[in-house]
Amino acid sequence: MKKFLNISLLAASFALTMPVAWAETHTTQTVKTQDGLTLQLTKDYPDNPSKAVLVISHGLASHSGVFGNFAEQMTNNDIAIYRFDARGHGKSDGRDKIHINSYFEMVEDLRQIVQKAKQENPNVPLFVMGHSMGGHITALYATKYPNETNGVILAAGVLRYHQMNFGYLPRPEPKDSFVSGMVALTTLNLPMPKAND
C-alpha cells in the first residue's frame, strides 16, 4: 500500500508541475465536419512566434490526448500543434466509437483541420504528422492534396492504399512489405490489390 501511495504522490506532484506558460497556450474547441459531425480540436501554441505548425492525426483506437507531452515539447521549441480526435474517437462524434465508415471522410476531416491551421497561422510553414491509422490518412491526404502543406511525417503509417483511388506515392511501396498482407486487406475499406500484383 505504501508503494502505491508513493507512486500516486509522485504522479500527482508531476501533474501539478506543468509549466504555466504551456497551460495558458493550450485551447480546446470543436469543429464541424462537412457531414455535420463535431470533432474535438486542441491547439497548443508556444510563447514565442511559431516557427512552424504541426497538425497531428492519431492512430486507430487512440485520441489526440496521447500527444499532450509531445505537444508540450514542440511548443517549447516554438512549434504550434493542432491535434484533433478523429471521428468515432476520443471526444469527437461518430456513428459508433472507433467506427470508420470511409477513409475518404477522414481525409476531408484532416483537410478541414489543415485549412483552419493555415488560416489561423498565415505565412508559417505547416506540416502534417500521422501515426498508424493517422499515417495512412495523412498519406491519402498528401496524395490527394499535394500542394497544401510543406511536408508530411508518417509515423508507423502501416496501411497501403489503392493507387487507382488516390494515385501514386512519390516512392512505390515494396511488393513484399508487411502492409501488403492480411492486415491491410482486412482493415481497409478501400479495394486492395493482391500482394503479387
N, C-alpha and C. Protein backbone atom coordinates (compact mmCIF):
# COMPACT_ATOMS: atom_id res chain seq x y z
N MET A 1 0.83 -1.20 0.00
CA MET A 1 0.00 0.00 0.00
C MET A 1 0.87 1.25 0.00
N LYS A 2 1.96 1.23 0.78
CA LYS A 2 2.84 2.39 0.86
C LYS A 2 3.49 2.68 -0.50
N LYS A 3 3.88 1.62 -1.21
CA LYS A 3 4.50 1.79 -2.53
C LYS A 3 3.51 2.45 -3.49
N PHE A 4 2.24 1.99 -3.47
CA PHE A 4 1.21 2.56 -4.32
C PHE A 4 1.00 4.04 -3.99
N LEU A 5 0.96 4.37 -2.71
CA LEU A 5 0.77 5.75 -2.27
C LEU A 5 1.92 6.63 -2.74
N ASN A 6 3.16 6.14 -2.63
CA ASN A 6 4.32 6.90 -3.09
C ASN A 6 4.25 7.17 -4.59
N ILE A 7 3.86 6.15 -5.35
CA ILE A 7 3.73 6.32 -6.80
C ILE A 7 2.64 7.32 -7.11
N SER A 8 1.51 7.24 -6.40
CA SER A 8 0.41 8.17 -6.61
C SER A 8 0.82 9.60 -6.30
N LEU A 9 1.54 9.79 -5.20
CA LEU A 9 2.00 11.13 -4.85
C LEU A 9 3.00 11.66 -5.87
N LEU A 10 3.87 10.79 -6.35
CA LEU A 10 4.82 11.20 -7.37
C LEU A 10 4.09 11.62 -8.64
N ALA A 11 3.09 10.84 -9.05
CA ALA A 11 2.32 11.17 -10.25
C ALA A 11 1.57 12.48 -10.05
N ALA A 12 0.98 12.69 -8.88
CA ALA A 12 0.25 13.92 -8.60
C ALA A 12 1.18 15.12 -8.60
N SER A 13 2.36 14.98 -8.02
CA SER A 13 3.29 16.11 -8.00
C SER A 13 3.78 16.44 -9.40
N PHE A 14 3.97 15.41 -10.24
CA PHE A 14 4.37 15.66 -11.63
C PHE A 14 3.27 16.42 -12.37
N ALA A 15 2.01 15.99 -12.17
CA ALA A 15 0.89 16.63 -12.85
C ALA A 15 0.73 18.09 -12.43
N LEU A 16 1.04 18.39 -11.18
CA LEU A 16 0.88 19.75 -10.69
C LEU A 16 2.03 20.67 -11.09
N THR A 17 3.10 20.12 -11.64
CA THR A 17 4.24 20.96 -12.01
C THR A 17 4.27 21.31 -13.49
N MET A 18 3.13 21.16 -14.19
CA MET A 18 3.09 21.52 -15.60
C MET A 18 3.42 23.00 -15.74
N PRO A 19 4.30 23.36 -16.68
CA PRO A 19 4.66 24.77 -16.85
C PRO A 19 3.44 25.63 -17.11
N VAL A 20 3.34 26.74 -16.42
CA VAL A 20 2.19 27.63 -16.55
C VAL A 20 2.10 28.21 -17.95
N ALA A 21 3.23 28.56 -18.55
CA ALA A 21 3.20 29.15 -19.89
C ALA A 21 2.57 28.19 -20.88
N TRP A 22 2.86 26.90 -20.77
CA TRP A 22 2.28 25.93 -21.69
C TRP A 22 0.78 25.80 -21.46
N ALA A 23 0.37 25.77 -20.20
CA ALA A 23 -1.04 25.62 -19.89
C ALA A 23 -1.86 26.79 -20.40
N GLU A 24 -1.29 27.97 -20.39
CA GLU A 24 -2.01 29.16 -20.85
C GLU A 24 -2.21 29.18 -22.36
N THR A 25 -1.39 28.47 -23.11
CA THR A 25 -1.49 28.49 -24.56
C THR A 25 -2.11 27.22 -25.12
N HIS A 26 -2.84 26.52 -24.31
CA HIS A 26 -3.48 25.25 -24.67
C HIS A 26 -4.99 25.50 -24.71
N THR A 27 -5.60 25.41 -25.89
CA THR A 27 -7.04 25.66 -26.01
C THR A 27 -7.72 24.48 -26.70
N THR A 28 -8.98 24.28 -26.35
CA THR A 28 -9.78 23.22 -26.95
C THR A 28 -11.04 23.83 -27.54
N GLN A 29 -11.41 23.36 -28.71
CA GLN A 29 -12.63 23.82 -29.35
C GLN A 29 -13.20 22.69 -30.20
N THR A 30 -14.37 22.90 -30.77
CA THR A 30 -14.95 21.90 -31.66
C THR A 30 -15.00 22.45 -33.08
N VAL A 31 -14.96 21.52 -34.03
CA VAL A 31 -15.02 21.86 -35.45
C VAL A 31 -16.07 20.96 -36.08
N LYS A 32 -16.96 21.53 -36.90
CA LYS A 32 -17.98 20.75 -37.60
C LYS A 32 -17.42 20.22 -38.91
N THR A 33 -17.66 18.94 -39.16
CA THR A 33 -17.23 18.33 -40.42
C THR A 33 -18.23 18.66 -41.52
N GLN A 34 -17.89 18.30 -42.75
CA GLN A 34 -18.78 18.55 -43.88
C GLN A 34 -20.11 17.82 -43.74
N ASP A 35 -20.10 16.67 -43.05
CA ASP A 35 -21.34 15.92 -42.87
C ASP A 35 -21.98 16.12 -41.50
N GLY A 36 -21.56 17.18 -40.79
CA GLY A 36 -22.25 17.59 -39.57
C GLY A 36 -21.76 17.00 -38.26
N LEU A 37 -20.71 16.19 -38.27
CA LEU A 37 -20.18 15.67 -37.01
C LEU A 37 -19.33 16.74 -36.32
N THR A 38 -19.14 16.59 -35.02
CA THR A 38 -18.32 17.51 -34.25
C THR A 38 -17.00 16.83 -33.91
N LEU A 39 -15.89 17.47 -34.28
CA LEU A 39 -14.56 16.98 -33.94
C LEU A 39 -13.98 17.82 -32.82
N GLN A 40 -13.32 17.19 -31.87
CA GLN A 40 -12.63 17.88 -30.78
C GLN A 40 -11.24 18.27 -31.27
N LEU A 41 -10.91 19.56 -31.19
CA LEU A 41 -9.62 20.08 -31.63
C LEU A 41 -8.92 20.73 -30.46
N THR A 42 -7.67 20.38 -30.25
CA THR A 42 -6.83 21.01 -29.24
C THR A 42 -5.70 21.73 -29.94
N LYS A 43 -5.51 23.00 -29.57
CA LYS A 43 -4.43 23.80 -30.16
C LYS A 43 -3.44 24.15 -29.05
N ASP A 44 -2.17 23.93 -29.33
CA ASP A 44 -1.10 24.24 -28.38
C ASP A 44 -0.16 25.23 -29.05
N TYR A 45 -0.02 26.41 -28.44
CA TYR A 45 0.81 27.46 -29.02
C TYR A 45 2.02 27.75 -28.14
N PRO A 46 3.16 28.05 -28.77
CA PRO A 46 4.34 28.45 -27.99
C PRO A 46 4.19 29.88 -27.50
N ASP A 47 5.04 30.27 -26.55
CA ASP A 47 5.06 31.65 -26.07
C ASP A 47 5.58 32.60 -27.13
N ASN A 48 6.53 32.15 -27.92
CA ASN A 48 7.14 32.97 -28.97
C ASN A 48 6.40 32.75 -30.28
N PRO A 49 6.66 33.60 -31.28
CA PRO A 49 6.04 33.35 -32.60
C PRO A 49 6.39 31.95 -33.10
N SER A 50 5.42 31.30 -33.71
CA SER A 50 5.62 29.93 -34.19
C SER A 50 6.56 29.88 -35.38
N LYS A 51 7.53 28.95 -35.32
CA LYS A 51 8.42 28.69 -36.46
C LYS A 51 7.72 27.80 -37.47
N ALA A 52 6.81 26.97 -36.99
CA ALA A 52 6.07 26.04 -37.84
C ALA A 52 4.80 25.62 -37.11
N VAL A 53 3.88 25.04 -37.89
CA VAL A 53 2.66 24.46 -37.34
C VAL A 53 2.66 22.99 -37.71
N LEU A 54 2.31 22.14 -36.75
CA LEU A 54 2.23 20.70 -36.98
C LEU A 54 0.82 20.23 -36.65
N VAL A 55 0.13 19.68 -37.64
CA VAL A 55 -1.19 19.08 -37.44
C VAL A 55 -0.97 17.59 -37.22
N ILE A 56 -1.56 17.04 -36.15
CA ILE A 56 -1.34 15.63 -35.80
C ILE A 56 -2.63 14.83 -35.98
N SER A 57 -2.51 13.72 -36.70
CA SER A 57 -3.61 12.77 -36.90
C SER A 57 -3.24 11.47 -36.17
N HIS A 58 -4.01 11.11 -35.15
CA HIS A 58 -3.67 9.96 -34.29
C HIS A 58 -4.06 8.62 -34.92
N GLY A 59 -3.72 7.55 -34.23
CA GLY A 59 -3.97 6.20 -34.71
C GLY A 59 -5.32 5.64 -34.30
N LEU A 60 -5.62 4.45 -34.81
CA LEU A 60 -6.87 3.75 -34.53
C LEU A 60 -6.99 3.45 -33.04
N ALA A 61 -8.19 3.64 -32.50
CA ALA A 61 -8.50 3.39 -31.09
C ALA A 61 -7.69 4.28 -30.15
N SER A 62 -7.27 5.43 -30.63
CA SER A 62 -6.49 6.37 -29.83
C SER A 62 -7.23 7.70 -29.78
N HIS A 63 -6.55 8.75 -29.37
CA HIS A 63 -7.14 10.08 -29.31
C HIS A 63 -6.00 11.10 -29.27
N SER A 64 -6.35 12.36 -29.44
CA SER A 64 -5.33 13.41 -29.51
C SER A 64 -4.61 13.64 -28.19
N GLY A 65 -5.22 13.25 -27.08
CA GLY A 65 -4.61 13.46 -25.77
C GLY A 65 -3.30 12.72 -25.58
N VAL A 66 -3.09 11.64 -26.33
CA VAL A 66 -1.84 10.90 -26.17
C VAL A 66 -0.64 11.71 -26.65
N PHE A 67 -0.89 12.78 -27.38
CA PHE A 67 0.19 13.63 -27.87
C PHE A 67 0.41 14.87 -26.99
N GLY A 68 -0.16 14.89 -25.79
CA GLY A 68 -0.02 16.03 -24.90
C GLY A 68 1.42 16.35 -24.54
N ASN A 69 2.18 15.36 -24.11
CA ASN A 69 3.59 15.60 -23.76
C ASN A 69 4.41 15.99 -24.98
N PHE A 70 4.12 15.36 -26.12
CA PHE A 70 4.80 15.70 -27.36
C PHE A 70 4.50 17.15 -27.74
N ALA A 71 3.23 17.55 -27.60
CA ALA A 71 2.84 18.93 -27.90
C ALA A 71 3.59 19.91 -27.01
N GLU A 72 3.75 19.56 -25.75
CA GLU A 72 4.50 20.43 -24.84
C GLU A 72 5.94 20.60 -25.30
N GLN A 73 6.57 19.50 -25.70
CA GLN A 73 7.95 19.57 -26.19
C GLN A 73 8.04 20.42 -27.45
N MET A 74 7.08 20.27 -28.34
CA MET A 74 7.10 21.05 -29.58
C MET A 74 6.88 22.54 -29.32
N THR A 75 5.93 22.87 -28.44
CA THR A 75 5.71 24.28 -28.15
C THR A 75 6.91 24.90 -27.45
N ASN A 76 7.63 24.10 -26.66
CA ASN A 76 8.87 24.60 -26.05
C ASN A 76 9.93 24.91 -27.09
N ASN A 77 9.76 24.36 -28.29
CA ASN A 77 10.66 24.62 -29.41
C ASN A 77 10.00 25.49 -30.48
N ASP A 78 8.99 26.25 -30.07
CA ASP A 78 8.31 27.23 -30.92
C ASP A 78 7.58 26.63 -32.11
N ILE A 79 7.02 25.45 -31.94
CA ILE A 79 6.19 24.83 -32.96
C ILE A 79 4.77 24.71 -32.43
N ALA A 80 3.81 25.29 -33.15
CA ALA A 80 2.40 25.20 -32.76
C ALA A 80 1.86 23.84 -33.16
N ILE A 81 0.96 23.31 -32.34
CA ILE A 81 0.38 21.98 -32.57
C ILE A 81 -1.14 22.09 -32.69
N TYR A 82 -1.69 21.45 -33.71
CA TYR A 82 -3.13 21.27 -33.87
C TYR A 82 -3.36 19.76 -33.84
N ARG A 83 -4.01 19.27 -32.79
CA ARG A 83 -4.27 17.83 -32.67
C ARG A 83 -5.76 17.64 -32.44
N PHE A 84 -6.33 16.70 -33.15
CA PHE A 84 -7.78 16.51 -33.07
C PHE A 84 -8.12 15.04 -32.91
N ASP A 85 -9.30 14.81 -32.32
CA ASP A 85 -9.83 13.45 -32.20
C ASP A 85 -10.56 13.13 -33.50
N ALA A 86 -10.14 12.08 -34.18
CA ALA A 86 -10.79 11.66 -35.42
C ALA A 86 -12.23 11.23 -35.13
N ARG A 87 -13.05 11.27 -36.15
CA ARG A 87 -14.44 10.83 -35.99
C ARG A 87 -14.48 9.42 -35.39
N GLY A 88 -15.39 9.24 -34.42
CA GLY A 88 -15.51 7.95 -33.75
C GLY A 88 -14.43 7.68 -32.73
N HIS A 89 -13.63 8.68 -32.38
CA HIS A 89 -12.54 8.51 -31.43
C HIS A 89 -12.57 9.65 -30.40
N GLY A 90 -12.02 9.38 -29.23
CA GLY A 90 -11.88 10.42 -28.20
C GLY A 90 -13.19 11.12 -27.92
N LYS A 91 -13.16 12.45 -27.96
CA LYS A 91 -14.34 13.26 -27.65
C LYS A 91 -15.08 13.71 -28.90
N SER A 92 -14.71 13.19 -30.06
CA SER A 92 -15.39 13.54 -31.31
C SER A 92 -16.61 12.66 -31.54
N ASP A 93 -17.56 13.19 -32.33
CA ASP A 93 -18.73 12.41 -32.72
C ASP A 93 -18.34 11.29 -33.67
N GLY A 94 -19.22 10.35 -33.81
CA GLY A 94 -19.06 9.26 -34.77
C GLY A 94 -20.23 8.33 -34.63
N ARG A 95 -20.53 7.60 -35.69
CA ARG A 95 -21.69 6.70 -35.65
C ARG A 95 -21.58 5.74 -34.49
N ASP A 96 -20.45 5.12 -34.37
CA ASP A 96 -20.12 4.25 -33.24
C ASP A 96 -18.70 4.59 -32.86
N LYS A 97 -18.33 4.31 -31.65
CA LYS A 97 -16.94 4.55 -31.27
C LYS A 97 -16.04 3.63 -32.08
N ILE A 98 -14.96 4.20 -32.56
CA ILE A 98 -13.95 3.52 -33.37
C ILE A 98 -14.58 2.90 -34.61
N HIS A 99 -15.55 3.57 -35.18
CA HIS A 99 -16.14 3.14 -36.44
C HIS A 99 -15.57 4.00 -37.56
N ILE A 100 -15.13 3.35 -38.61
CA ILE A 100 -14.62 4.07 -39.78
C ILE A 100 -15.52 3.72 -40.95
N ASN A 101 -16.38 4.64 -41.33
CA ASN A 101 -17.27 4.42 -42.45
C ASN A 101 -16.50 4.53 -43.76
N SER A 102 -15.63 5.55 -43.83
CA SER A 102 -14.88 5.79 -45.06
C SER A 102 -13.62 6.58 -44.75
N TYR A 103 -12.51 6.11 -45.30
CA TYR A 103 -11.28 6.88 -45.16
C TYR A 103 -11.38 8.19 -45.95
N PHE A 104 -12.23 8.22 -46.98
CA PHE A 104 -12.41 9.45 -47.74
C PHE A 104 -12.93 10.56 -46.82
N GLU A 105 -13.89 10.23 -45.93
CA GLU A 105 -14.40 11.21 -44.97
C GLU A 105 -13.30 11.69 -44.04
N MET A 106 -12.46 10.78 -43.60
CA MET A 106 -11.40 11.13 -42.66
C MET A 106 -10.34 12.01 -43.32
N VAL A 107 -10.08 11.78 -44.60
CA VAL A 107 -9.16 12.64 -45.34
C VAL A 107 -9.72 14.06 -45.40
N GLU A 108 -11.01 14.19 -45.65
CA GLU A 108 -11.63 15.52 -45.70
C GLU A 108 -11.65 16.18 -44.33
N ASP A 109 -11.83 15.39 -43.26
CA ASP A 109 -11.75 15.94 -41.90
C ASP A 109 -10.35 16.52 -41.65
N LEU A 110 -9.33 15.75 -42.02
CA LEU A 110 -7.95 16.22 -41.85
C LEU A 110 -7.72 17.49 -42.66
N ARG A 111 -8.22 17.51 -43.88
CA ARG A 111 -8.06 18.71 -44.72
C ARG A 111 -8.70 19.93 -44.06
N GLN A 112 -9.85 19.74 -43.45
CA GLN A 112 -10.53 20.85 -42.78
C GLN A 112 -9.68 21.40 -41.63
N ILE A 113 -9.06 20.53 -40.86
CA ILE A 113 -8.19 20.97 -39.76
C ILE A 113 -6.96 21.67 -40.32
N VAL A 114 -6.38 21.13 -41.39
CA VAL A 114 -5.21 21.76 -42.01
C VAL A 114 -5.57 23.16 -42.51
N GLN A 115 -6.70 23.30 -43.18
CA GLN A 115 -7.10 24.61 -43.69
C GLN A 115 -7.33 25.60 -42.56
N LYS A 116 -7.90 25.14 -41.46
CA LYS A 116 -8.09 26.01 -40.29
C LYS A 116 -6.74 26.46 -39.74
N ALA A 117 -5.80 25.53 -39.62
CA ALA A 117 -4.47 25.86 -39.11
C ALA A 117 -3.76 26.85 -40.03
N LYS A 118 -3.90 26.67 -41.34
CA LYS A 118 -3.28 27.60 -42.30
C LYS A 118 -3.90 28.99 -42.19
N GLN A 119 -5.22 29.03 -42.07
CA GLN A 119 -5.92 30.31 -41.98
C GLN A 119 -5.52 31.06 -40.70
N GLU A 120 -5.36 30.35 -39.61
CA GLU A 120 -5.02 30.97 -38.33
C GLU A 120 -3.53 31.25 -38.18
N ASN A 121 -2.71 30.71 -39.06
CA ASN A 121 -1.25 30.89 -39.00
C ASN A 121 -0.69 31.19 -40.38
N PRO A 122 -1.10 32.32 -40.98
CA PRO A 122 -0.64 32.61 -42.34
C PRO A 122 0.87 32.80 -42.38
N ASN A 123 1.47 32.39 -43.49
CA ASN A 123 2.91 32.55 -43.73
C ASN A 123 3.79 31.77 -42.75
N VAL A 124 3.24 30.76 -42.10
CA VAL A 124 4.01 29.88 -41.22
C VAL A 124 4.04 28.50 -41.88
N PRO A 125 5.22 27.89 -42.02
CA PRO A 125 5.27 26.55 -42.62
C PRO A 125 4.38 25.57 -41.85
N LEU A 126 3.65 24.74 -42.60
CA LEU A 126 2.72 23.80 -41.99
C LEU A 126 3.05 22.38 -42.43
N PHE A 127 3.07 21.48 -41.45
CA PHE A 127 3.37 20.07 -41.68
C PHE A 127 2.26 19.24 -41.06
N VAL A 128 2.05 18.03 -41.58
CA VAL A 128 1.08 17.10 -41.01
C VAL A 128 1.82 15.84 -40.60
N MET A 129 1.55 15.38 -39.38
CA MET A 129 2.13 14.13 -38.89
C MET A 129 0.99 13.16 -38.59
N GLY A 130 1.10 11.96 -39.12
CA GLY A 130 0.10 10.94 -38.85
C GLY A 130 0.74 9.71 -38.25
N HIS A 131 0.10 9.18 -37.21
CA HIS A 131 0.59 7.96 -36.56
C HIS A 131 -0.36 6.81 -36.85
N SER A 132 0.18 5.68 -37.31
CA SER A 132 -0.59 4.46 -37.55
C SER A 132 -1.73 4.76 -38.52
N MET A 133 -2.99 4.59 -38.11
CA MET A 133 -4.12 4.92 -38.99
C MET A 133 -4.01 6.36 -39.45
N GLY A 134 -3.60 7.25 -38.55
CA GLY A 134 -3.42 8.65 -38.92
C GLY A 134 -2.34 8.83 -39.98
N GLY A 135 -1.34 7.95 -39.98
CA GLY A 135 -0.32 7.97 -41.02
C GLY A 135 -0.90 7.58 -42.36
N HIS A 136 -1.80 6.63 -42.35
CA HIS A 136 -2.48 6.22 -43.57
C HIS A 136 -3.33 7.37 -44.11
N ILE A 137 -4.09 7.99 -43.22
CA ILE A 137 -4.94 9.12 -43.62
C ILE A 137 -4.07 10.27 -44.13
N THR A 138 -2.95 10.51 -43.47
CA THR A 138 -2.03 11.57 -43.89
C THR A 138 -1.47 11.27 -45.28
N ALA A 139 -1.12 10.02 -45.56
CA ALA A 139 -0.61 9.65 -46.89
C ALA A 139 -1.69 9.86 -47.95
N LEU A 140 -2.92 9.48 -47.64
CA LEU A 140 -4.02 9.70 -48.58
C LEU A 140 -4.23 11.19 -48.82
N TYR A 141 -4.22 11.96 -47.74
CA TYR A 141 -4.39 13.41 -47.83
C TYR A 141 -3.29 14.04 -48.69
N ALA A 142 -2.04 13.68 -48.41
CA ALA A 142 -0.91 14.28 -49.12
C ALA A 142 -0.92 13.91 -50.60
N THR A 143 -1.44 12.74 -50.92
CA THR A 143 -1.53 12.33 -52.31
C THR A 143 -2.66 13.06 -53.02
N LYS A 144 -3.78 13.22 -52.35
CA LYS A 144 -4.93 13.90 -52.95
C LYS A 144 -4.72 15.41 -53.02
N TYR A 145 -4.05 15.98 -52.02
CA TYR A 145 -3.83 17.43 -51.95
C TYR A 145 -2.33 17.70 -51.76
N PRO A 146 -1.52 17.45 -52.78
CA PRO A 146 -0.05 17.50 -52.60
C PRO A 146 0.53 18.89 -52.34
N ASN A 147 -0.19 19.94 -52.64
CA ASN A 147 0.38 21.29 -52.50
C ASN A 147 -0.16 22.07 -51.31
N GLU A 148 -0.83 21.42 -50.39
CA GLU A 148 -1.45 22.14 -49.28
C GLU A 148 -0.59 22.23 -48.03
N THR A 149 0.51 21.49 -47.96
CA THR A 149 1.39 21.55 -46.79
C THR A 149 2.84 21.67 -47.25
N ASN A 150 3.70 21.96 -46.29
CA ASN A 150 5.14 21.99 -46.57
C ASN A 150 5.76 20.60 -46.46
N GLY A 151 5.04 19.64 -45.91
CA GLY A 151 5.55 18.29 -45.80
C GLY A 151 4.71 17.45 -44.87
N VAL A 152 4.95 16.14 -44.91
CA VAL A 152 4.23 15.22 -44.03
C VAL A 152 5.22 14.31 -43.33
N ILE A 153 4.81 13.82 -42.17
CA ILE A 153 5.59 12.87 -41.39
C ILE A 153 4.68 11.66 -41.15
N LEU A 154 5.12 10.49 -41.58
CA LEU A 154 4.35 9.27 -41.37
C LEU A 154 5.03 8.45 -40.29
N ALA A 155 4.41 8.38 -39.13
CA ALA A 155 4.95 7.62 -38.00
C ALA A 155 4.21 6.29 -37.91
N ALA A 156 4.82 5.24 -38.41
CA ALA A 156 4.22 3.90 -38.42
C ALA A 156 2.90 3.89 -39.18
N GLY A 157 2.86 4.58 -40.30
CA GLY A 157 1.67 4.55 -41.16
C GLY A 157 1.66 3.25 -41.94
N VAL A 158 1.02 2.22 -41.42
CA VAL A 158 1.24 0.86 -41.90
C VAL A 158 0.30 0.41 -43.01
N LEU A 159 -0.74 1.11 -43.33
CA LEU A 159 -1.69 0.61 -44.32
C LEU A 159 -1.40 1.13 -45.71
N ARG A 160 -1.52 0.24 -46.67
CA ARG A 160 -1.33 0.59 -48.07
C ARG A 160 -2.68 0.97 -48.66
N TYR A 161 -2.70 1.90 -49.55
CA TYR A 161 -3.96 2.28 -50.17
C TYR A 161 -3.94 1.91 -51.64
N HIS A 162 -5.11 1.89 -52.24
CA HIS A 162 -5.24 1.51 -53.63
C HIS A 162 -4.88 2.69 -54.52
N GLN A 163 -3.92 2.51 -55.41
CA GLN A 163 -3.42 3.61 -56.24
C GLN A 163 -4.49 4.13 -57.20
N MET A 164 -5.43 3.28 -57.59
CA MET A 164 -6.48 3.71 -58.51
C MET A 164 -7.33 4.83 -57.90
N ASN A 165 -7.49 4.80 -56.58
CA ASN A 165 -8.34 5.80 -55.92
C ASN A 165 -7.63 7.13 -55.69
N PHE A 166 -6.33 7.09 -55.39
CA PHE A 166 -5.64 8.30 -54.99
C PHE A 166 -4.39 8.61 -55.79
N GLY A 167 -3.92 7.73 -56.66
CA GLY A 167 -2.70 7.99 -57.41
C GLY A 167 -1.50 7.39 -56.71
N TYR A 168 -0.33 7.66 -57.24
CA TYR A 168 0.90 7.06 -56.75
C TYR A 168 1.57 7.93 -55.69
N LEU A 169 2.17 7.28 -54.71
CA LEU A 169 3.04 7.98 -53.78
C LEU A 169 4.35 8.25 -54.49
N PRO A 170 5.14 9.23 -54.03
CA PRO A 170 6.39 9.54 -54.71
C PRO A 170 7.34 8.35 -54.82
N ARG A 171 7.34 7.44 -53.84
CA ARG A 171 8.20 6.26 -53.89
C ARG A 171 7.33 5.02 -53.73
N PRO A 172 7.35 4.08 -54.67
CA PRO A 172 6.47 2.92 -54.54
C PRO A 172 6.81 2.05 -53.34
N GLU A 173 5.79 1.43 -52.80
CA GLU A 173 5.95 0.53 -51.66
C GLU A 173 6.44 -0.82 -52.15
N PRO A 174 7.37 -1.47 -51.45
CA PRO A 174 7.84 -2.79 -51.88
C PRO A 174 6.70 -3.80 -51.93
N LYS A 175 6.71 -4.66 -52.93
CA LYS A 175 5.64 -5.66 -53.10
C LYS A 175 5.55 -6.62 -51.92
N ASP A 176 6.67 -6.89 -51.26
CA ASP A 176 6.67 -7.86 -50.18
C ASP A 176 6.55 -7.22 -48.80
N SER A 177 6.16 -5.96 -48.74
CA SER A 177 6.10 -5.28 -47.44
C SER A 177 4.95 -5.83 -46.60
N PHE A 178 5.07 -5.64 -45.30
CA PHE A 178 4.07 -6.10 -44.36
C PHE A 178 2.69 -5.54 -44.68
N VAL A 179 2.66 -4.28 -45.13
CA VAL A 179 1.37 -3.63 -45.35
C VAL A 179 0.62 -4.22 -46.53
N SER A 180 1.27 -5.02 -47.36
CA SER A 180 0.57 -5.69 -48.46
C SER A 180 -0.17 -6.92 -47.98
N GLY A 181 0.02 -7.27 -46.73
CA GLY A 181 -0.53 -8.52 -46.20
C GLY A 181 -1.95 -8.42 -45.71
N MET A 182 -2.31 -9.41 -44.89
CA MET A 182 -3.67 -9.58 -44.43
C MET A 182 -4.20 -8.41 -43.62
N VAL A 183 -3.35 -7.74 -42.85
CA VAL A 183 -3.82 -6.62 -42.02
C VAL A 183 -4.44 -5.56 -42.91
N ALA A 184 -3.76 -5.17 -43.97
CA ALA A 184 -4.30 -4.15 -44.87
C ALA A 184 -5.56 -4.65 -45.56
N LEU A 185 -5.59 -5.90 -45.96
CA LEU A 185 -6.75 -6.43 -46.67
C LEU A 185 -7.99 -6.50 -45.80
N THR A 186 -7.83 -6.70 -44.51
CA THR A 186 -8.99 -6.87 -43.64
C THR A 186 -9.40 -5.60 -42.91
N THR A 187 -8.56 -4.58 -42.84
CA THR A 187 -8.93 -3.39 -42.08
C THR A 187 -9.26 -2.19 -42.95
N LEU A 188 -8.87 -2.18 -44.17
CA LEU A 188 -9.08 -1.02 -45.03
C LEU A 188 -10.39 -1.16 -45.79
N ASN A 189 -11.16 -0.09 -45.87
CA ASN A 189 -12.44 -0.12 -46.56
C ASN A 189 -12.33 0.14 -48.05
N LEU A 190 -11.12 0.30 -48.56
CA LEU A 190 -10.92 0.52 -49.99
C LEU A 190 -10.52 -0.80 -50.64
N PRO A 191 -10.78 -0.97 -51.96
CA PRO A 191 -10.34 -2.21 -52.61
C PRO A 191 -8.82 -2.28 -52.61
N MET A 192 -8.29 -3.47 -52.37
CA MET A 192 -6.85 -3.66 -52.27
C MET A 192 -6.38 -4.67 -53.31
N PRO A 193 -5.24 -4.41 -53.98
CA PRO A 193 -4.69 -5.39 -54.91
C PRO A 193 -4.02 -6.52 -54.13
N LYS A 194 -3.85 -7.67 -54.77
CA LYS A 194 -3.12 -8.78 -54.15
C LYS A 194 -1.65 -8.42 -54.08
N ALA A 195 -0.92 -9.00 -53.14
CA ALA A 195 0.48 -8.67 -52.91
C ALA A 195 1.36 -8.98 -54.11
N ASN A 196 0.98 -9.92 -54.98
CA ASN A 196 1.82 -10.26 -56.12
C ASN A 196 1.50 -9.47 -57.38
N ASP A 197 0.63 -8.46 -57.30
CA ASP A 197 0.32 -7.61 -58.47
C ASP A 197 1.50 -6.77 -58.87
